[in-house]
Amino acid sequence: MKILYSLLLSIATLLCSNLHAQVLSNDFLNIGIGAKAQGLSGAFVSTADDVTAPYWNPAGMTQQQNAFTVGAMHAEWFAGIAKYDFIGVTKTLNSEKNAVGGISLIRFGIDQIPSTLNLVNPDGSINYDNVYEFSYSDYALLVSYAQNLKKDSPFSIGGNVKIINRNVGKFANAWGFGLDAGIRYQKGNWAFALMARDLSTTFNAWSFNFTEEEKAVFESTNNEIPENSTETTKPTFILGGNYLIHFNQKLSLKTEINALINTDGQRNVLISSKSINIDPKLGLELGYKSLIFLRAGIGKFQRVTDDFDPNKENLNMLPTFGLGLKLGRFHIDYAQTNIGNLSEVRYSNIFSLQLDLGAKRIN
């Protein structure tokens, strides 16, 4: 059952990415990386100050505490069938300009999927020796840069050059390219930010490779043979702000609110229309001595039809929570979150590690 489910999931993902390109194109990049951010329900665009900042807002790299950081994340869904991983580095390039560069690699993949296209021989007999395994993999490489607008400026800017590769075994392969940009403003305990993902509109070019025998299997089972195509990812904008309260020298509380603004068609979010959709997120982080952190968040607001009254809609939301521990230069973060929707819960345990290297920075 596990193998069959993974195969069906892979096929459904491939079909969705081609039939609904405007909405689901490169959707693996909407999940979000890092247990710290996930524990805050993704309300992180103005807080982003660690090795995951290039994804959430590259301008936030100017807030990193050390000259060089490395980090990684791992998460699994569907009882370990789907895996989501991240590894990244950020490094100070110019202290005078507070310039920081980064490289990040993100992968979402389903491995060991059995190909049964050649399971049945021409004479109708079944030959299990013809079954082999392949992987469905999505990759994104982010090359990032950020700096202050000028020395000691409260404004910082940053951007990503994004290269995407998506493949389904030997059957299909796509390459994509896009640009992200972000800006951040810090004033005392307040911080505000704007992130523009796929600002250039990201294009993916798909190519498919099937043998004549495999095409015959598609035709005999009334399946459409995919053709080479191009899909686009329209821009997404994220507005955010946070406020940091120090109750005393030991206890602090940071609150962040984000508004995710989509332009790729109507979605079931709090503010929904055919042209613009707004999905709010709220995150809280309680810190003790800057060593231990408790995090919670609320997001994924959706209107769901009432189970007992089909004419009534309820507004539901999904909570997240997380923990963080800082041991010298070593950060360990954990979050429990859900990548599904309100009717199909898919909880996952997410773990992130970060190691601070080099000298302390003075921002």
Protein backbone atom coordinates (compact mmCIF):
# COMPACT_ATOMS: atom_id res chain seq x y z
CA MET A 1 0.00 0.00 0.00
CA LYS A 2 2.84 2.38 0.82
CA ILE A 3 4.40 1.98 -2.63
CA LEU A 4 1.06 2.29 -4.38
CA TYR A 5 0.19 5.45 -2.45
CA SER A 6 3.52 7.05 -3.29
CA LEU A 7 3.02 6.27 -6.97
CA LEU A 8 -0.46 7.78 -7.01
CA LEU A 9 0.79 10.83 -5.14
CA SER A 10 3.60 11.36 -7.62
CA ILE A 11 1.31 11.07 -10.63
CA ALA A 12 -1.24 13.44 -9.09
CA THR A 13 1.47 15.99 -8.34
CA LEU A 14 2.78 15.85 -11.91
CA LEU A 15 -0.69 16.20 -13.41
CA CYS A 16 -1.63 19.08 -11.13
CA SER A 17 1.54 20.98 -11.93
CA ASN A 18 0.68 20.88 -15.64
CA LEU A 19 -3.09 21.23 -15.61
CA HIS A 20 -3.15 24.07 -13.07
CA ALA A 21 0.18 25.69 -13.76
CA GLN A 22 -0.84 29.18 -12.73
CA VAL A 23 -1.86 28.11 -9.23
CA LEU A 24 0.36 25.12 -8.42
CA SER A 25 3.53 25.89 -10.36
CA ASN A 26 6.56 25.38 -8.10
CA ASP A 27 4.18 24.91 -5.17
CA PHE A 28 6.91 23.12 -3.20
CA LEU A 29 8.45 26.56 -2.64
CA ASN A 30 5.31 27.68 -0.78
CA ILE A 31 5.76 25.17 2.06
CA GLY A 32 8.41 27.19 3.86
CA ILE A 33 11.79 26.22 5.28
CA GLY A 34 13.17 26.23 8.81
CA ALA A 35 11.57 25.02 12.04
CA LYS A 36 11.90 28.49 13.57
CA ALA A 37 9.69 30.07 10.91
CA GLN A 38 7.32 27.11 10.74
CA GLY A 39 6.69 27.30 14.48
CA LEU A 40 5.47 30.86 13.84
CA SER A 41 3.11 29.67 11.06
CA GLY A 42 5.43 31.31 8.51
CA ALA A 43 4.99 34.81 9.99
CA PHE A 44 8.68 35.53 9.55
CA VAL A 45 9.25 38.04 6.76
CA SER A 46 10.38 40.88 9.04
CA THR A 47 12.00 38.65 11.68
CA ALA A 48 14.12 36.57 9.28
CA ASP A 49 17.64 36.83 10.68
CA ASP A 50 19.13 33.35 10.37
CA VAL A 51 20.41 31.07 7.62
CA THR A 52 16.85 30.66 6.23
CA ALA A 53 16.52 34.42 5.58
CA PRO A 54 17.23 34.12 1.82
CA TYR A 55 13.97 32.17 1.44
CA TRP A 56 11.79 34.37 3.69
CA ASN A 57 13.36 37.74 2.94
CA PRO A 58 16.96 38.06 1.70
CA ALA A 59 17.18 41.58 3.15
CA GLY A 60 17.08 39.93 6.59
CA MET A 61 20.54 38.45 6.06
CA THR A 62 21.94 41.79 7.25
CA GLN A 63 20.61 40.92 10.72
CA GLN A 64 22.59 37.71 11.16
CA GLN A 65 24.72 37.69 14.31
CA ASN A 66 27.85 35.97 13.01
CA ALA A 67 30.06 36.44 9.98
CA PHE A 68 29.39 32.92 8.70
CA THR A 69 26.48 30.54 9.33
CA VAL A 70 25.50 27.11 8.05
CA GLY A 71 22.17 25.41 8.55
CA ALA A 72 19.98 22.49 7.54
CA MET A 73 16.38 21.29 7.88
CA HIS A 74 14.57 17.98 7.42
CA ALA A 75 10.85 17.20 7.36
CA GLU A 76 8.73 14.24 6.24
CA TRP A 77 5.08 13.71 5.34
CA PHE A 78 2.85 10.72 4.48
CA ALA A 79 4.67 8.42 6.93
CA GLY A 80 8.05 9.31 5.47
CA ILE A 81 7.08 8.96 1.81
CA ALA A 82 7.62 12.65 0.96
CA LYS A 83 10.78 14.36 2.20
CA TYR A 84 11.54 18.07 2.39
CA ASP A 85 15.12 19.22 2.96
CA PHE A 86 17.14 22.40 3.06
CA ILE A 87 20.81 23.27 3.43
CA GLY A 88 22.27 26.75 3.27
CA VAL A 89 25.15 29.06 4.12
CA THR A 90 25.38 32.83 4.62
CA LYS A 91 28.57 34.88 4.86
CA THR A 92 29.55 38.50 5.43
CA LEU A 93 31.10 39.92 2.26
CA ASN A 94 31.69 43.56 3.19
CA SER A 95 31.51 44.84 6.77
CA GLU A 96 31.44 48.50 5.70
CA LYS A 97 28.25 48.02 3.65
CA ASN A 98 26.93 45.30 5.97
CA ALA A 99 26.81 43.14 2.84
CA VAL A 100 25.98 39.44 3.17
CA GLY A 101 25.80 36.67 0.57
CA GLY A 102 24.13 33.28 0.73
CA ILE A 103 23.57 30.01 -1.10
CA SER A 104 20.57 27.78 -0.37
CA LEU A 105 19.46 24.42 -1.75
CA ILE A 106 15.89 23.15 -1.25
CA ARG A 107 14.59 19.71 -2.21
CA PHE A 108 11.14 18.17 -2.08
CA GLY A 109 11.13 14.55 -3.21
CA ILE A 110 9.37 11.21 -3.31
CA ASP A 111 11.78 8.33 -3.84
CA GLN A 112 11.48 4.62 -4.65
CA ILE A 113 8.37 5.00 -6.81
CA PRO A 114 7.75 1.82 -8.85
CA SER A 115 7.28 2.24 -12.59
CA THR A 116 4.70 -0.30 -13.79
CA LEU A 117 4.41 0.94 -17.38
CA ASN A 118 6.07 -2.26 -18.64
CA LEU A 119 4.59 -4.60 -16.05
CA VAL A 120 2.36 -6.35 -18.61
CA ASN A 121 4.06 -8.06 -21.55
CA PRO A 122 2.56 -7.83 -25.07
CA ASP A 123 1.15 -11.35 -24.63
CA GLY A 124 -0.73 -10.28 -21.50
CA SER A 125 1.56 -11.97 -18.98
CA ILE A 126 2.90 -10.06 -15.96
CA ASN A 127 6.65 -9.70 -15.53
CA TYR A 128 7.72 -8.09 -12.27
CA ASP A 129 11.30 -7.92 -13.53
CA ASN A 130 10.17 -5.00 -15.72
CA VAL A 131 9.31 -2.92 -12.67
CA TYR A 132 11.97 -0.41 -11.60
CA GLU A 133 12.10 2.51 -9.18
CA PHE A 134 12.37 6.21 -9.90
CA SER A 135 12.14 9.50 -8.00
CA TYR A 136 9.99 12.59 -8.24
CA SER A 137 12.17 15.53 -7.17
CA ASP A 138 11.87 19.32 -7.01
CA TYR A 139 15.04 21.37 -6.50
CA ALA A 140 15.58 25.08 -6.00
CA LEU A 141 18.98 26.79 -5.81
CA LEU A 142 18.97 30.33 -4.37
CA VAL A 143 21.98 32.61 -4.75
CA SER A 144 21.39 35.62 -2.49
CA TYR A 145 22.81 39.04 -1.67
CA ALA A 146 21.82 41.75 0.83
CA GLN A 147 23.18 45.01 2.18
CA ASN A 148 22.16 48.22 3.91
CA LEU A 149 21.10 51.03 1.59
CA LYS A 150 23.96 53.03 3.09
CA LYS A 151 26.13 52.84 6.18
CA ASP A 152 24.06 52.72 9.39
CA SER A 153 20.85 52.99 7.36
CA PRO A 154 17.71 51.46 8.93
CA PHE A 155 16.84 50.13 5.45
CA SER A 156 18.32 46.95 4.01
CA ILE A 157 17.64 45.37 0.64
CA GLY A 158 18.27 41.92 -0.77
CA GLY A 159 17.53 39.61 -3.65
CA ASN A 160 17.70 36.04 -4.91
CA VAL A 161 18.59 34.53 -8.25
CA LYS A 162 16.53 31.34 -8.30
CA ILE A 163 17.24 28.27 -10.43
CA ILE A 164 14.69 25.46 -10.37
CA ASN A 165 14.87 21.87 -11.57
CA ARG A 166 11.91 19.49 -11.40
CA ASN A 167 12.04 15.91 -12.65
CA VAL A 168 10.00 12.74 -12.68
CA GLY A 169 12.52 9.95 -13.24
CA LYS A 170 13.51 9.78 -16.88
CA PHE A 171 9.98 10.68 -18.01
CA ALA A 172 9.89 14.43 -17.44
CA ASN A 173 12.28 17.25 -16.65
CA ALA A 174 11.83 21.01 -16.19
CA TRP A 175 14.17 23.95 -15.72
CA GLY A 176 13.07 27.29 -14.36
CA PHE A 177 14.53 30.69 -13.54
CA GLY A 178 13.26 33.56 -11.41
CA LEU A 179 14.11 36.53 -9.22
CA ASP A 180 13.05 37.49 -5.68
CA ALA A 181 13.54 40.82 -3.92
CA GLY A 182 13.04 42.05 -0.36
CA ILE A 183 13.35 45.18 1.75
CA ARG A 184 13.48 45.61 5.52
CA TYR A 185 13.24 48.62 7.86
CA GLN A 186 14.28 48.63 11.50
CA LYS A 187 13.30 51.36 13.97
CA GLY A 188 13.93 50.62 17.64
CA ASN A 189 11.87 47.59 18.65
CA TRP A 190 9.81 47.80 15.46
CA ALA A 191 10.67 46.11 12.14
CA PHE A 192 8.78 46.13 8.83
CA ALA A 193 9.43 44.24 5.62
CA LEU A 194 8.19 43.52 2.11
CA MET A 195 9.12 40.38 0.17
CA ALA A 196 8.36 39.90 -3.53
CA ARG A 197 8.69 36.29 -4.68
CA ASP A 198 8.93 35.47 -8.38
CA LEU A 199 9.06 39.19 -9.08
CA SER A 200 10.24 38.46 -12.61
CA THR A 201 7.51 35.81 -13.08
CA THR A 202 9.27 32.46 -12.89
CA PHE A 203 9.16 30.29 -16.01
CA ASN A 204 9.49 26.49 -16.06
CA ALA A 205 10.05 24.69 -19.36
CA TRP A 206 8.90 21.04 -19.24
CA SER A 207 10.18 18.35 -21.58
CA PHE A 208 8.83 14.79 -21.65
CA ASN A 209 10.60 11.64 -22.78
CA PHE A 210 8.62 8.46 -23.40
CA THR A 211 9.52 5.48 -25.53
CA GLU A 212 7.10 4.28 -28.18
CA GLU A 213 6.22 1.33 -25.96
CA GLU A 214 5.42 3.64 -23.06
CA LYS A 215 3.28 5.85 -25.29
CA ALA A 216 1.37 2.76 -26.35
CA VAL A 217 0.64 1.97 -22.69
CA PHE A 218 -0.74 5.50 -22.20
CA GLU A 219 -2.99 5.16 -25.25
CA SER A 220 -4.22 1.69 -24.31
CA THR A 221 -5.22 2.95 -20.84
CA ASN A 222 -6.94 6.09 -22.22
CA ASN A 223 -4.33 8.43 -20.71
CA GLU A 224 -3.21 11.58 -22.46
CA ILE A 225 0.44 11.65 -23.51
CA PRO A 226 2.02 14.81 -22.03
CA GLU A 227 3.57 17.31 -24.42
CA ASN A 228 6.42 19.73 -23.91
CA SER A 229 5.08 22.88 -22.28
CA THR A 230 5.91 26.00 -20.30
CA GLU A 231 4.35 27.02 -16.99
CA THR A 232 4.66 30.27 -15.10
CA THR A 233 4.66 31.28 -11.44
CA LYS A 234 3.15 34.70 -10.91
CA PRO A 235 4.48 37.14 -8.27
CA THR A 236 3.57 36.79 -4.61
CA PHE A 237 4.01 39.62 -2.11
CA ILE A 238 4.41 39.35 1.66
CA LEU A 239 3.98 42.32 3.96
CA GLY A 240 5.04 41.97 7.56
CA GLY A 241 5.87 43.74 10.76
CA ASN A 242 7.05 42.74 14.22
CA TYR A 243 7.45 44.29 17.64
CA LEU A 244 9.88 43.12 20.33
CA ILE A 245 9.06 43.61 24.00
CA HIS A 246 11.65 43.13 26.76
CA PHE A 247 9.83 42.49 30.03
CA ASN A 248 13.16 42.34 31.86
CA GLN A 249 16.73 41.22 31.20
CA LYS A 250 15.63 37.60 30.94
CA LEU A 251 12.18 37.54 29.31
CA SER A 252 11.17 38.86 25.88
CA LEU A 253 8.21 38.55 23.50
CA LYS A 254 8.23 39.13 19.76
CA THR A 255 4.97 39.39 17.82
CA GLU A 256 4.81 39.30 14.03
CA ILE A 257 1.92 39.72 11.61
CA ASN A 258 2.23 38.87 7.89
CA ALA A 259 -0.10 39.26 4.93
CA LEU A 260 0.55 36.88 2.03
CA ILE A 261 -0.80 38.44 -1.18
CA ASN A 262 -1.29 36.10 -4.17
CA THR A 263 -1.97 37.21 -7.75
CA ASP A 264 -2.43 33.81 -9.45
CA GLY A 265 -6.18 33.29 -9.19
CA GLN A 266 -8.85 32.92 -6.55
CA ARG A 267 -7.97 30.94 -3.44
CA ASN A 268 -9.85 29.89 -0.33
CA VAL A 269 -8.21 32.39 2.04
CA LEU A 270 -9.50 35.05 4.42
CA ILE A 271 -9.74 37.78 1.75
CA SER A 272 -10.47 36.17 -1.59
CA SER A 273 -11.06 37.48 -5.11
CA LYS A 274 -10.24 36.52 -8.70
CA SER A 275 -7.37 39.02 -8.89
CA ILE A 276 -5.90 39.40 -5.38
CA ASN A 277 -6.02 37.09 -2.35
CA ILE A 278 -4.75 37.96 1.13
CA ASP A 279 -3.79 35.25 3.60
CA PRO A 280 -2.83 36.58 7.08
CA LYS A 281 -0.46 34.86 9.51
CA LEU A 282 0.36 35.56 13.15
CA GLY A 283 3.37 34.38 15.13
CA LEU A 284 4.52 34.79 18.75
CA GLU A 285 7.96 33.99 20.17
CA LEU A 286 8.63 34.01 23.91
CA GLY A 287 12.33 34.05 24.74
CA TYR A 288 14.17 33.37 27.99
CA LYS A 289 17.71 34.71 28.31
CA SER A 290 17.99 34.47 24.51
CA LEU A 291 18.64 30.77 25.08
CA ILE A 292 15.23 29.08 25.14
CA PHE A 293 12.31 30.00 22.88
CA LEU A 294 8.65 28.99 22.81
CA ARG A 295 6.82 29.71 19.56
CA ALA A 296 3.23 29.57 18.36
CA GLY A 297 1.41 30.68 15.26
CA ILE A 298 -1.93 30.78 13.47
CA GLY A 299 -2.44 30.68 9.71
CA LYS A 300 -4.23 29.02 6.80
CA PHE A 301 -7.54 30.77 7.37
CA GLN A 302 -10.22 29.06 5.27
CA ARG A 303 -13.98 29.12 4.91
CA VAL A 304 -15.33 25.59 5.26
CA THR A 305 -18.89 24.39 4.70
CA ASP A 306 -20.59 23.38 7.94
CA ASP A 307 -20.99 19.62 8.35
CA PHE A 308 -24.60 19.98 9.49
CA ASP A 309 -25.76 23.01 7.48
CA PRO A 310 -24.57 23.14 3.84
CA ASN A 311 -25.77 26.75 3.58
CA LYS A 312 -23.46 27.85 6.39
CA GLU A 313 -19.70 28.47 6.26
CA ASN A 314 -17.30 28.43 9.18
CA LEU A 315 -13.98 30.26 9.33
CA ASN A 316 -11.29 27.82 10.38
CA MET A 317 -7.57 28.18 10.95
CA LEU A 318 -4.57 25.98 11.68
CA PRO A 319 -2.25 26.46 14.65
CA THR A 320 1.46 25.68 14.82
CA PHE A 321 3.94 25.58 17.65
CA GLY A 322 7.67 25.22 18.08
CA LEU A 323 10.65 25.19 20.41
CA GLY A 324 14.13 26.65 20.10
CA LEU A 325 17.36 26.12 22.00
CA LYS A 326 20.59 28.06 21.60
CA LEU A 327 23.73 26.38 22.95
CA GLY A 328 26.57 28.79 22.32
CA ARG A 329 27.03 28.87 18.55
CA PHE A 330 24.65 25.95 18.00
CA HIS A 331 20.91 26.42 17.38
CA ILE A 332 18.36 23.58 17.53
CA ASP A 333 14.78 24.31 16.46
CA TYR A 334 11.68 22.13 16.33
CA ALA A 335 8.19 22.75 14.97
CA GLN A 336 5.01 20.80 14.42
CA THR A 337 3.02 22.06 11.49
CA ASN A 338 0.66 20.97 8.74
CA ILE A 339 1.06 21.26 4.96
CA GLY A 340 -2.44 20.01 4.20
CA ASN A 341 -5.76 21.83 4.37
CA LEU A 342 -8.35 21.93 7.11
CA SER A 343 -10.11 18.79 5.93
CA GLU A 344 -6.94 16.80 5.21
CA VAL A 345 -4.48 17.27 8.06
CA ARG A 346 -0.88 16.28 7.33
CA TYR A 347 1.15 17.07 10.42
CA SER A 348 4.90 16.89 10.32
CA ASN A 349 7.72 17.19 12.81
CA ILE A 350 10.31 19.63 11.48
CA PHE A 351 13.87 19.88 12.77
CA SER A 352 16.43 22.56 11.96
CA LEU A 353 20.06 23.02 12.93
CA GLN A 354 22.25 26.09 12.62
CA LEU A 355 25.90 26.64 13.44
CA ASP A 356 27.33 30.15 13.82
CA LEU A 357 30.94 30.47 12.73
CA GLY A 358 33.36 33.36 12.46
CA ALA A 359 33.42 36.49 14.53
CA LYS A 360 30.38 38.23 16.00
CA ARG A 361 28.97 40.93 13.76
CA ILE A 362 28.04 44.45 14.85
CA ASN A 363 24.93 45.55 12.90
